[in-house]
N, C-alpha and C. Protein backbone atom coordinates (compact mmCIF):
# COMPACT_ATOMS: atom_id res chain seq x y z
N MET A 1 -38.64 1.48 12.47
CA MET A 1 -39.82 1.54 13.31
C MET A 1 -39.92 0.27 14.12
N SER A 2 -40.51 0.37 15.29
CA SER A 2 -40.61 -0.81 16.14
C SER A 2 -41.76 -1.68 15.69
N GLU A 3 -41.61 -2.96 15.96
CA GLU A 3 -42.65 -3.92 15.61
C GLU A 3 -43.84 -3.71 16.55
N PRO A 4 -45.05 -4.12 16.14
CA PRO A 4 -46.24 -3.90 16.96
C PRO A 4 -46.17 -4.59 18.32
N ASP A 5 -45.54 -5.78 18.41
CA ASP A 5 -45.51 -6.48 19.69
C ASP A 5 -44.33 -6.08 20.56
N ARG A 6 -43.46 -5.21 20.05
CA ARG A 6 -42.28 -4.80 20.80
C ARG A 6 -42.45 -3.34 21.21
N PRO A 7 -42.31 -3.02 22.48
CA PRO A 7 -42.45 -1.63 22.92
C PRO A 7 -41.24 -0.82 22.47
N ALA A 8 -41.42 0.48 22.38
CA ALA A 8 -40.33 1.38 22.03
C ALA A 8 -39.25 1.33 23.10
N VAL A 9 -38.02 1.53 22.72
CA VAL A 9 -36.90 1.51 23.65
C VAL A 9 -36.89 2.81 24.44
N ARG A 10 -36.72 2.69 25.74
CA ARG A 10 -36.64 3.88 26.59
C ARG A 10 -35.28 3.88 27.28
N ARG A 11 -34.81 5.09 27.63
CA ARG A 11 -33.53 5.24 28.34
C ARG A 11 -33.51 4.41 29.60
N GLU A 12 -34.57 4.44 30.32
CA GLU A 12 -34.61 3.73 31.61
C GLU A 12 -34.41 2.24 31.39
N ASP A 13 -35.01 1.71 30.32
CA ASP A 13 -34.86 0.28 30.03
C ASP A 13 -33.41 -0.06 29.75
N VAL A 14 -32.74 0.79 28.97
CA VAL A 14 -31.35 0.51 28.59
C VAL A 14 -30.44 0.58 29.80
N SER A 15 -30.58 1.60 30.61
CA SER A 15 -29.67 1.74 31.74
C SER A 15 -29.92 0.68 32.79
N GLN A 16 -31.13 0.14 32.91
CA GLN A 16 -31.41 -0.88 33.91
C GLN A 16 -31.09 -2.27 33.38
N ALA A 17 -31.03 -2.43 32.06
CA ALA A 17 -30.89 -3.75 31.48
C ALA A 17 -29.51 -4.34 31.65
N GLY A 18 -28.47 -3.53 31.71
CA GLY A 18 -27.12 -4.05 31.78
C GLY A 18 -26.61 -4.37 30.40
N THR A 19 -25.43 -4.96 30.32
CA THR A 19 -24.78 -5.18 29.03
C THR A 19 -25.17 -6.48 28.36
N ALA A 20 -25.84 -7.39 29.03
CA ALA A 20 -26.10 -8.70 28.47
C ALA A 20 -27.48 -8.81 27.83
N ASP A 21 -28.25 -7.75 27.73
CA ASP A 21 -29.61 -7.83 27.23
C ASP A 21 -29.64 -7.80 25.70
N GLU A 22 -29.61 -8.97 25.11
CA GLU A 22 -29.61 -9.09 23.66
C GLU A 22 -30.91 -8.57 23.05
N GLN A 23 -32.01 -8.78 23.73
CA GLN A 23 -33.31 -8.29 23.26
C GLN A 23 -33.28 -6.76 23.11
N LEU A 24 -32.65 -6.13 24.04
CA LEU A 24 -32.58 -4.68 24.03
C LEU A 24 -31.77 -4.16 22.84
N VAL A 25 -30.66 -4.81 22.55
CA VAL A 25 -29.83 -4.41 21.41
C VAL A 25 -30.62 -4.63 20.13
N ARG A 26 -31.33 -5.73 20.04
CA ARG A 26 -32.16 -6.00 18.87
C ARG A 26 -33.23 -4.91 18.73
N ALA A 27 -33.83 -4.51 19.85
CA ALA A 27 -34.84 -3.44 19.82
C ALA A 27 -34.21 -2.12 19.40
N LEU A 28 -33.00 -1.85 19.88
CA LEU A 28 -32.29 -0.63 19.45
C LEU A 28 -32.09 -0.64 17.94
N PHE A 29 -31.66 -1.78 17.43
CA PHE A 29 -31.42 -1.88 15.99
C PHE A 29 -32.72 -1.73 15.21
N ASP A 30 -33.75 -2.42 15.67
CA ASP A 30 -35.04 -2.35 14.97
C ASP A 30 -35.58 -0.92 14.95
N GLU A 31 -35.43 -0.21 16.03
CA GLU A 31 -36.00 1.13 16.12
C GLU A 31 -35.11 2.20 15.49
N HIS A 32 -33.79 2.07 15.62
CA HIS A 32 -32.89 3.14 15.18
C HIS A 32 -31.95 2.74 14.04
N GLY A 33 -31.88 1.44 13.73
CA GLY A 33 -30.92 0.96 12.74
C GLY A 33 -31.10 1.57 11.36
N GLY A 34 -32.33 1.62 10.87
CA GLY A 34 -32.58 2.17 9.54
C GLY A 34 -32.18 3.63 9.40
N PRO A 35 -32.70 4.50 10.26
CA PRO A 35 -32.30 5.91 10.17
C PRO A 35 -30.80 6.12 10.40
N LEU A 36 -30.24 5.34 11.32
CA LEU A 36 -28.80 5.45 11.61
C LEU A 36 -27.99 5.06 10.37
N TYR A 37 -28.38 3.97 9.73
CA TYR A 37 -27.69 3.52 8.51
C TYR A 37 -27.78 4.59 7.43
N GLY A 38 -28.95 5.14 7.22
CA GLY A 38 -29.12 6.19 6.21
C GLY A 38 -28.24 7.39 6.48
N TYR A 39 -28.17 7.79 7.73
CA TYR A 39 -27.34 8.93 8.12
C TYR A 39 -25.86 8.65 7.84
N VAL A 40 -25.40 7.48 8.25
CA VAL A 40 -23.98 7.13 8.07
C VAL A 40 -23.67 6.95 6.58
N LEU A 41 -24.61 6.40 5.84
CA LEU A 41 -24.40 6.23 4.40
C LEU A 41 -24.23 7.59 3.72
N ARG A 42 -24.99 8.58 4.14
CA ARG A 42 -24.82 9.93 3.58
C ARG A 42 -23.46 10.50 3.96
N LEU A 43 -22.97 10.18 5.15
CA LEU A 43 -21.66 10.70 5.58
C LEU A 43 -20.52 10.04 4.83
N THR A 44 -20.60 8.72 4.64
CA THR A 44 -19.48 7.98 4.07
C THR A 44 -19.57 7.77 2.57
N GLY A 45 -20.79 7.60 2.07
CA GLY A 45 -20.95 7.29 0.65
C GLY A 45 -20.60 5.85 0.32
N ASP A 46 -20.39 5.01 1.32
CA ASP A 46 -19.97 3.63 1.12
C ASP A 46 -20.85 2.74 1.99
N SER A 47 -21.62 1.86 1.35
CA SER A 47 -22.57 1.03 2.11
C SER A 47 -21.86 0.07 3.06
N GLY A 48 -20.74 -0.47 2.66
CA GLY A 48 -20.00 -1.39 3.54
C GLY A 48 -19.50 -0.70 4.79
N ARG A 49 -18.91 0.47 4.58
CA ARG A 49 -18.43 1.23 5.75
C ARG A 49 -19.59 1.67 6.62
N ALA A 50 -20.72 2.04 6.01
CA ALA A 50 -21.89 2.47 6.77
C ALA A 50 -22.38 1.33 7.66
N GLU A 51 -22.41 0.11 7.12
CA GLU A 51 -22.83 -1.04 7.92
C GLU A 51 -21.88 -1.26 9.09
N ASP A 52 -20.59 -1.15 8.83
CA ASP A 52 -19.60 -1.33 9.90
C ASP A 52 -19.77 -0.28 10.99
N VAL A 53 -20.02 0.95 10.61
CA VAL A 53 -20.17 2.03 11.60
C VAL A 53 -21.44 1.80 12.43
N VAL A 54 -22.53 1.40 11.78
CA VAL A 54 -23.77 1.13 12.52
C VAL A 54 -23.54 -0.01 13.51
N GLN A 55 -22.86 -1.04 13.06
CA GLN A 55 -22.59 -2.17 13.95
C GLN A 55 -21.73 -1.74 15.14
N GLU A 56 -20.69 -0.97 14.88
CA GLU A 56 -19.83 -0.49 15.96
C GLU A 56 -20.59 0.42 16.91
N THR A 57 -21.48 1.25 16.37
CA THR A 57 -22.28 2.15 17.21
C THR A 57 -23.17 1.36 18.15
N LEU A 58 -23.84 0.34 17.61
CA LEU A 58 -24.72 -0.48 18.45
C LEU A 58 -23.91 -1.31 19.46
N LEU A 59 -22.73 -1.72 19.07
CA LEU A 59 -21.86 -2.44 20.00
C LEU A 59 -21.47 -1.54 21.17
N ARG A 60 -21.18 -0.28 20.87
CA ARG A 60 -20.84 0.65 21.95
C ARG A 60 -22.05 0.93 22.83
N ALA A 61 -23.23 0.98 22.25
CA ALA A 61 -24.44 1.16 23.06
C ALA A 61 -24.65 -0.05 23.96
N TRP A 62 -24.37 -1.21 23.46
CA TRP A 62 -24.50 -2.45 24.23
C TRP A 62 -23.49 -2.48 25.38
N ARG A 63 -22.27 -2.06 25.10
CA ARG A 63 -21.22 -2.06 26.13
C ARG A 63 -21.41 -0.97 27.17
N HIS A 64 -22.00 0.15 26.80
CA HIS A 64 -22.13 1.30 27.70
C HIS A 64 -23.58 1.79 27.75
N PRO A 65 -24.48 1.00 28.29
CA PRO A 65 -25.89 1.42 28.30
C PRO A 65 -26.14 2.64 29.19
N ASP A 66 -25.26 2.89 30.13
CA ASP A 66 -25.45 4.03 31.02
C ASP A 66 -24.95 5.34 30.39
N ALA A 67 -24.31 5.28 29.23
CA ALA A 67 -23.74 6.47 28.60
C ALA A 67 -24.78 7.46 28.13
N PHE A 68 -25.96 6.97 27.79
CA PHE A 68 -26.97 7.91 27.31
C PHE A 68 -28.06 8.17 28.34
N ALA A 69 -27.74 7.99 29.59
CA ALA A 69 -28.70 8.32 30.65
C ALA A 69 -28.94 9.83 30.63
N GLY A 70 -30.21 10.21 30.61
CA GLY A 70 -30.56 11.62 30.59
C GLY A 70 -30.49 12.24 29.21
N ARG A 71 -30.28 11.44 28.18
CA ARG A 71 -30.18 11.94 26.81
C ARG A 71 -31.12 11.14 25.92
N SER A 72 -31.35 11.65 24.75
CA SER A 72 -32.11 10.92 23.74
C SER A 72 -31.23 9.79 23.20
N ILE A 73 -31.77 8.58 23.15
CA ILE A 73 -31.00 7.44 22.66
C ILE A 73 -30.59 7.67 21.22
N ARG A 74 -31.51 8.13 20.38
CA ARG A 74 -31.21 8.34 18.97
C ARG A 74 -30.12 9.40 18.80
N ALA A 75 -30.20 10.49 19.56
CA ALA A 75 -29.18 11.53 19.46
C ALA A 75 -27.82 10.98 19.87
N TRP A 76 -27.78 10.16 20.91
CA TRP A 76 -26.53 9.55 21.35
C TRP A 76 -25.97 8.64 20.26
N LEU A 77 -26.81 7.80 19.67
CA LEU A 77 -26.37 6.88 18.61
C LEU A 77 -25.83 7.66 17.40
N PHE A 78 -26.53 8.72 16.99
CA PHE A 78 -26.08 9.51 15.84
C PHE A 78 -24.76 10.22 16.14
N THR A 79 -24.59 10.68 17.37
CA THR A 79 -23.34 11.34 17.75
C THR A 79 -22.18 10.35 17.73
N VAL A 80 -22.40 9.17 18.28
CA VAL A 80 -21.35 8.14 18.28
C VAL A 80 -21.00 7.75 16.85
N ALA A 81 -22.02 7.56 16.01
CA ALA A 81 -21.77 7.19 14.62
C ALA A 81 -20.97 8.27 13.90
N ARG A 82 -21.34 9.52 14.08
CA ARG A 82 -20.62 10.62 13.44
C ARG A 82 -19.17 10.65 13.90
N ASN A 83 -18.95 10.46 15.20
CA ASN A 83 -17.58 10.45 15.72
C ASN A 83 -16.77 9.30 15.14
N LEU A 84 -17.40 8.14 14.95
CA LEU A 84 -16.70 7.00 14.35
C LEU A 84 -16.30 7.31 12.91
N VAL A 85 -17.19 7.94 12.16
CA VAL A 85 -16.89 8.30 10.77
C VAL A 85 -15.74 9.29 10.73
N VAL A 86 -15.77 10.28 11.59
CA VAL A 86 -14.69 11.27 11.63
C VAL A 86 -13.37 10.62 12.02
N ASP A 87 -13.40 9.73 13.00
CA ASP A 87 -12.17 9.03 13.42
C ASP A 87 -11.60 8.19 12.29
N GLN A 88 -12.47 7.48 11.55
CA GLN A 88 -12.00 6.67 10.43
C GLN A 88 -11.38 7.56 9.35
N HIS A 89 -12.01 8.68 9.09
CA HIS A 89 -11.48 9.60 8.07
C HIS A 89 -10.09 10.10 8.48
N ARG A 90 -9.96 10.49 9.73
CA ARG A 90 -8.65 10.98 10.21
C ARG A 90 -7.61 9.87 10.17
N ALA A 91 -8.00 8.66 10.51
CA ALA A 91 -7.05 7.55 10.49
C ALA A 91 -6.56 7.28 9.07
N ARG A 92 -7.45 7.35 8.08
CA ARG A 92 -7.04 7.14 6.70
C ARG A 92 -6.12 8.25 6.21
N LYS A 93 -6.34 9.47 6.68
CA LYS A 93 -5.48 10.60 6.29
C LYS A 93 -4.09 10.46 6.90
N ALA A 94 -4.01 9.79 8.05
CA ALA A 94 -2.74 9.70 8.76
C ALA A 94 -1.83 8.63 8.20
N ARG A 95 -2.35 7.69 7.43
CA ARG A 95 -1.49 6.65 6.87
C ARG A 95 -1.45 6.78 5.36
N PRO A 96 -0.44 6.18 4.74
CA PRO A 96 -0.32 6.30 3.29
C PRO A 96 -1.52 5.64 2.60
N PRO A 97 -1.87 6.12 1.42
CA PRO A 97 -3.02 5.53 0.73
C PRO A 97 -2.75 4.08 0.35
N GLU A 98 -3.81 3.31 0.37
CA GLU A 98 -3.69 1.91 -0.01
C GLU A 98 -3.72 1.82 -1.53
N THR A 99 -3.03 0.82 -2.06
CA THR A 99 -3.01 0.63 -3.50
C THR A 99 -3.85 -0.57 -3.86
N GLY A 100 -4.40 -0.54 -5.03
CA GLY A 100 -5.21 -1.65 -5.50
C GLY A 100 -4.38 -2.59 -6.35
N ASP A 101 -5.05 -3.49 -7.02
CA ASP A 101 -4.38 -4.48 -7.86
C ASP A 101 -3.71 -3.86 -9.07
N GLU A 102 -4.16 -2.67 -9.48
CA GLU A 102 -3.55 -2.04 -10.66
C GLU A 102 -2.08 -1.71 -10.42
N ALA A 103 -1.68 -1.52 -9.17
CA ALA A 103 -0.27 -1.25 -8.88
C ALA A 103 0.58 -2.49 -9.15
N LEU A 104 -0.01 -3.67 -8.96
CA LEU A 104 0.73 -4.90 -9.22
C LEU A 104 0.98 -5.12 -10.70
N ALA A 105 0.14 -4.54 -11.55
CA ALA A 105 0.29 -4.73 -12.99
C ALA A 105 1.55 -4.07 -13.52
N VAL A 106 2.04 -3.04 -12.86
CA VAL A 106 3.25 -2.35 -13.33
C VAL A 106 4.53 -2.92 -12.73
N VAL A 107 4.41 -3.84 -11.77
CA VAL A 107 5.59 -4.48 -11.20
C VAL A 107 6.14 -5.46 -12.23
N PRO A 108 7.42 -5.40 -12.52
CA PRO A 108 7.97 -6.29 -13.54
C PRO A 108 7.87 -7.75 -13.11
N ALA A 109 7.78 -8.63 -14.11
CA ALA A 109 7.75 -10.06 -13.84
C ALA A 109 9.10 -10.49 -13.27
N ASP A 110 9.15 -11.71 -12.75
CA ASP A 110 10.38 -12.18 -12.10
C ASP A 110 11.59 -12.13 -13.03
N ASP A 111 11.43 -12.56 -14.29
CA ASP A 111 12.56 -12.55 -15.21
C ASP A 111 13.01 -11.12 -15.53
N GLU A 112 12.07 -10.19 -15.63
CA GLU A 112 12.43 -8.79 -15.85
C GLU A 112 13.15 -8.22 -14.64
N LEU A 113 12.71 -8.63 -13.46
CA LEU A 113 13.34 -8.17 -12.23
C LEU A 113 14.77 -8.70 -12.13
N GLU A 114 14.96 -9.96 -12.49
CA GLU A 114 16.31 -10.53 -12.46
C GLU A 114 17.23 -9.82 -13.46
N ARG A 115 16.69 -9.51 -14.65
CA ARG A 115 17.51 -8.80 -15.64
C ARG A 115 17.88 -7.42 -15.13
N ALA A 116 16.96 -6.75 -14.45
CA ALA A 116 17.26 -5.42 -13.92
C ALA A 116 18.35 -5.49 -12.86
N VAL A 117 18.27 -6.48 -11.98
CA VAL A 117 19.29 -6.64 -10.93
C VAL A 117 20.64 -6.96 -11.57
N GLU A 118 20.63 -7.84 -12.58
CA GLU A 118 21.89 -8.17 -13.27
C GLU A 118 22.46 -6.93 -13.97
N SER A 119 21.59 -6.13 -14.56
CA SER A 119 22.06 -4.91 -15.23
C SER A 119 22.74 -3.97 -14.25
N TRP A 120 22.15 -3.83 -13.06
CA TRP A 120 22.77 -2.98 -12.04
C TRP A 120 24.13 -3.54 -11.63
N ALA A 121 24.20 -4.85 -11.46
CA ALA A 121 25.47 -5.46 -11.05
C ALA A 121 26.52 -5.29 -12.15
N ILE A 122 26.12 -5.42 -13.40
CA ILE A 122 27.07 -5.24 -14.51
C ILE A 122 27.53 -3.79 -14.57
N ALA A 123 26.60 -2.86 -14.35
CA ALA A 123 26.98 -1.44 -14.34
C ALA A 123 27.97 -1.16 -13.21
N GLU A 124 27.78 -1.78 -12.06
CA GLU A 124 28.73 -1.61 -10.95
C GLU A 124 30.09 -2.21 -11.31
N ALA A 125 30.08 -3.37 -11.97
CA ALA A 125 31.34 -4.00 -12.37
C ALA A 125 32.07 -3.13 -13.39
N LEU A 126 31.33 -2.55 -14.33
CA LEU A 126 31.95 -1.65 -15.31
C LEU A 126 32.51 -0.41 -14.62
N ALA A 127 31.81 0.09 -13.63
CA ALA A 127 32.28 1.28 -12.91
C ALA A 127 33.56 0.98 -12.14
N ALA A 128 33.79 -0.28 -11.80
CA ALA A 128 35.00 -0.66 -11.06
C ALA A 128 36.22 -0.74 -11.97
N LEU A 129 36.03 -0.74 -13.27
CA LEU A 129 37.16 -0.80 -14.21
C LEU A 129 37.87 0.54 -14.30
N ARG A 130 39.10 0.49 -14.76
CA ARG A 130 39.84 1.73 -15.00
C ARG A 130 39.17 2.47 -16.14
N PRO A 131 39.24 3.81 -16.15
CA PRO A 131 38.55 4.60 -17.18
C PRO A 131 38.94 4.23 -18.61
N GLU A 132 40.21 3.97 -18.86
CA GLU A 132 40.62 3.64 -20.24
C GLU A 132 40.04 2.30 -20.68
N HIS A 133 39.87 1.37 -19.74
CA HIS A 133 39.25 0.08 -20.09
C HIS A 133 37.75 0.26 -20.39
N ARG A 134 37.10 1.08 -19.58
CA ARG A 134 35.67 1.36 -19.83
C ARG A 134 35.49 2.02 -21.19
N GLU A 135 36.36 2.97 -21.54
CA GLU A 135 36.25 3.67 -22.83
C GLU A 135 36.36 2.70 -24.00
N VAL A 136 37.34 1.80 -23.92
CA VAL A 136 37.55 0.84 -25.02
C VAL A 136 36.35 -0.09 -25.14
N LEU A 137 35.85 -0.62 -24.02
CA LEU A 137 34.69 -1.51 -24.07
C LEU A 137 33.46 -0.79 -24.60
N ALA A 138 33.30 0.47 -24.22
CA ALA A 138 32.15 1.25 -24.70
C ALA A 138 32.24 1.44 -26.21
N GLU A 139 33.42 1.74 -26.72
CA GLU A 139 33.58 1.94 -28.16
C GLU A 139 33.37 0.66 -28.94
N VAL A 140 33.99 -0.42 -28.49
CA VAL A 140 33.97 -1.66 -29.26
C VAL A 140 32.66 -2.42 -29.09
N TYR A 141 32.16 -2.57 -27.88
CA TYR A 141 30.97 -3.39 -27.65
C TYR A 141 29.67 -2.59 -27.61
N TYR A 142 29.69 -1.44 -26.97
CA TYR A 142 28.45 -0.67 -26.84
C TYR A 142 28.11 0.06 -28.13
N ARG A 143 29.11 0.73 -28.70
CA ARG A 143 28.86 1.48 -29.93
C ARG A 143 29.06 0.63 -31.18
N GLY A 144 29.62 -0.58 -31.03
CA GLY A 144 29.79 -1.52 -32.15
C GLY A 144 30.82 -1.10 -33.18
N ARG A 145 31.82 -0.38 -32.75
CA ARG A 145 32.84 0.10 -33.68
C ARG A 145 33.92 -0.97 -33.87
N SER A 146 34.56 -0.91 -35.02
CA SER A 146 35.69 -1.81 -35.28
C SER A 146 36.90 -1.30 -34.50
N VAL A 147 37.96 -2.10 -34.49
CA VAL A 147 39.18 -1.71 -33.78
C VAL A 147 39.73 -0.42 -34.39
N LYS A 148 39.72 -0.33 -35.73
CA LYS A 148 40.23 0.86 -36.40
C LYS A 148 39.39 2.09 -36.03
N GLU A 149 38.03 1.94 -36.07
CA GLU A 149 37.15 3.07 -35.74
C GLU A 149 37.31 3.49 -34.28
N ALA A 150 37.45 2.51 -33.38
CA ALA A 150 37.64 2.82 -31.97
C ALA A 150 38.97 3.55 -31.76
N ALA A 151 40.01 3.10 -32.46
CA ALA A 151 41.32 3.74 -32.35
C ALA A 151 41.25 5.19 -32.80
N GLU A 152 40.57 5.44 -33.91
CA GLU A 152 40.42 6.81 -34.40
C GLU A 152 39.60 7.66 -33.42
N SER A 153 38.55 7.10 -32.87
CA SER A 153 37.67 7.82 -31.94
C SER A 153 38.41 8.18 -30.65
N LEU A 154 39.22 7.23 -30.15
CA LEU A 154 39.93 7.45 -28.89
C LEU A 154 41.29 8.14 -29.09
N GLY A 155 41.77 8.17 -30.33
CA GLY A 155 43.06 8.82 -30.60
C GLY A 155 44.23 7.99 -30.10
N ILE A 156 44.11 6.67 -30.19
CA ILE A 156 45.19 5.76 -29.79
C ILE A 156 45.42 4.76 -30.91
N PRO A 157 46.58 4.09 -30.91
CA PRO A 157 46.87 3.10 -31.97
C PRO A 157 45.92 1.89 -31.87
N ALA A 158 45.71 1.20 -33.00
CA ALA A 158 44.83 0.03 -33.07
C ALA A 158 45.33 -1.08 -32.15
N GLY A 159 46.64 -1.28 -32.08
CA GLY A 159 47.20 -2.32 -31.20
C GLY A 159 46.86 -2.05 -29.73
N THR A 160 46.85 -0.77 -29.34
CA THR A 160 46.50 -0.41 -27.97
C THR A 160 45.03 -0.72 -27.70
N VAL A 161 44.17 -0.50 -28.70
CA VAL A 161 42.75 -0.82 -28.55
C VAL A 161 42.60 -2.32 -28.30
N LYS A 162 43.35 -3.13 -29.07
CA LYS A 162 43.27 -4.59 -28.91
C LYS A 162 43.74 -5.03 -27.53
N SER A 163 44.85 -4.52 -27.08
CA SER A 163 45.37 -4.95 -25.77
C SER A 163 44.49 -4.46 -24.63
N ARG A 164 44.00 -3.21 -24.73
CA ARG A 164 43.11 -2.70 -23.68
C ARG A 164 41.80 -3.49 -23.64
N THR A 165 41.31 -3.87 -24.81
CA THR A 165 40.08 -4.66 -24.85
C THR A 165 40.31 -6.00 -24.16
N TYR A 166 41.43 -6.64 -24.43
CA TYR A 166 41.75 -7.92 -23.81
C TYR A 166 41.81 -7.77 -22.29
N TYR A 167 42.56 -6.80 -21.79
CA TYR A 167 42.71 -6.63 -20.34
C TYR A 167 41.41 -6.12 -19.69
N ALA A 168 40.65 -5.32 -20.43
CA ALA A 168 39.38 -4.83 -19.90
C ALA A 168 38.40 -5.99 -19.72
N LEU A 169 38.38 -6.91 -20.69
CA LEU A 169 37.48 -8.07 -20.58
C LEU A 169 37.90 -8.97 -19.42
N ARG A 170 39.19 -9.15 -19.20
CA ARG A 170 39.66 -9.96 -18.06
C ARG A 170 39.27 -9.30 -16.74
N ALA A 171 39.45 -7.98 -16.66
CA ALA A 171 39.10 -7.25 -15.44
C ALA A 171 37.58 -7.28 -15.21
N LEU A 172 36.83 -7.18 -16.29
CA LEU A 172 35.37 -7.23 -16.17
C LEU A 172 34.91 -8.61 -15.71
N LYS A 173 35.53 -9.64 -16.24
CA LYS A 173 35.18 -11.01 -15.82
C LYS A 173 35.46 -11.19 -14.33
N LEU A 174 36.57 -10.70 -13.88
CA LEU A 174 36.92 -10.79 -12.46
C LEU A 174 35.92 -10.02 -11.60
N ALA A 175 35.55 -8.82 -12.03
CA ALA A 175 34.59 -8.00 -11.28
C ALA A 175 33.22 -8.68 -11.23
N LEU A 176 32.85 -9.34 -12.32
CA LEU A 176 31.56 -10.05 -12.35
C LEU A 176 31.60 -11.29 -11.47
N GLU A 177 32.75 -11.98 -11.45
CA GLU A 177 32.89 -13.15 -10.58
C GLU A 177 32.78 -12.76 -9.11
N GLU A 178 33.35 -11.61 -8.77
CA GLU A 178 33.26 -11.11 -7.39
C GLU A 178 31.81 -10.85 -7.00
N ARG A 179 30.99 -10.51 -7.98
CA ARG A 179 29.57 -10.23 -7.72
C ARG A 179 28.70 -11.44 -7.94
N GLY A 180 29.31 -12.59 -8.25
CA GLY A 180 28.56 -13.83 -8.43
C GLY A 180 27.81 -13.91 -9.73
N LEU A 181 28.26 -13.19 -10.77
CA LEU A 181 27.53 -13.17 -12.02
C LEU A 181 28.25 -13.87 -13.17
N ALA A 182 29.51 -14.16 -13.04
CA ALA A 182 30.26 -14.79 -14.14
C ALA A 182 30.08 -16.30 -14.05
N PRO A 183 30.08 -16.99 -15.21
CA PRO A 183 29.93 -18.46 -15.22
C PRO A 183 31.15 -19.16 -14.68
């Protein structure tokens, strides 16, 4: 509602005032700000966004005072506010959703991240080995089998398991050095 010493805002006043009339914008806010805020708050459900929309609506009224010539000022303000809310909604739908701080909680710490990268590099180095070398290393180191157990599992002599393990470890060391991971 307008203050007792301030007259109600009229279309003629706005269109004649030009864009620099701060008193007029203040009068627009005093007379229409409350109902406009309530309307936008019902549309958005967010008080912060509602305040931003009201501010942008009044800014547009200030920049374009001739836009509501021949129309109700309040109807023009409500239409502009509604269009701003719709535009914001469409803009949010057009881009990916924003994430909050909870997404950062699932990101691994730096040391976990380094271990993951090293694991990938080691897996690549193992994949670069010949299949028989990978099999021997998997039996002896991954499954923790003895030379005799690995030989029985692979169907090869124990001496072959020993020599393949030796050459597989040399080849793995070389592959890791190529990837900058060996000491």
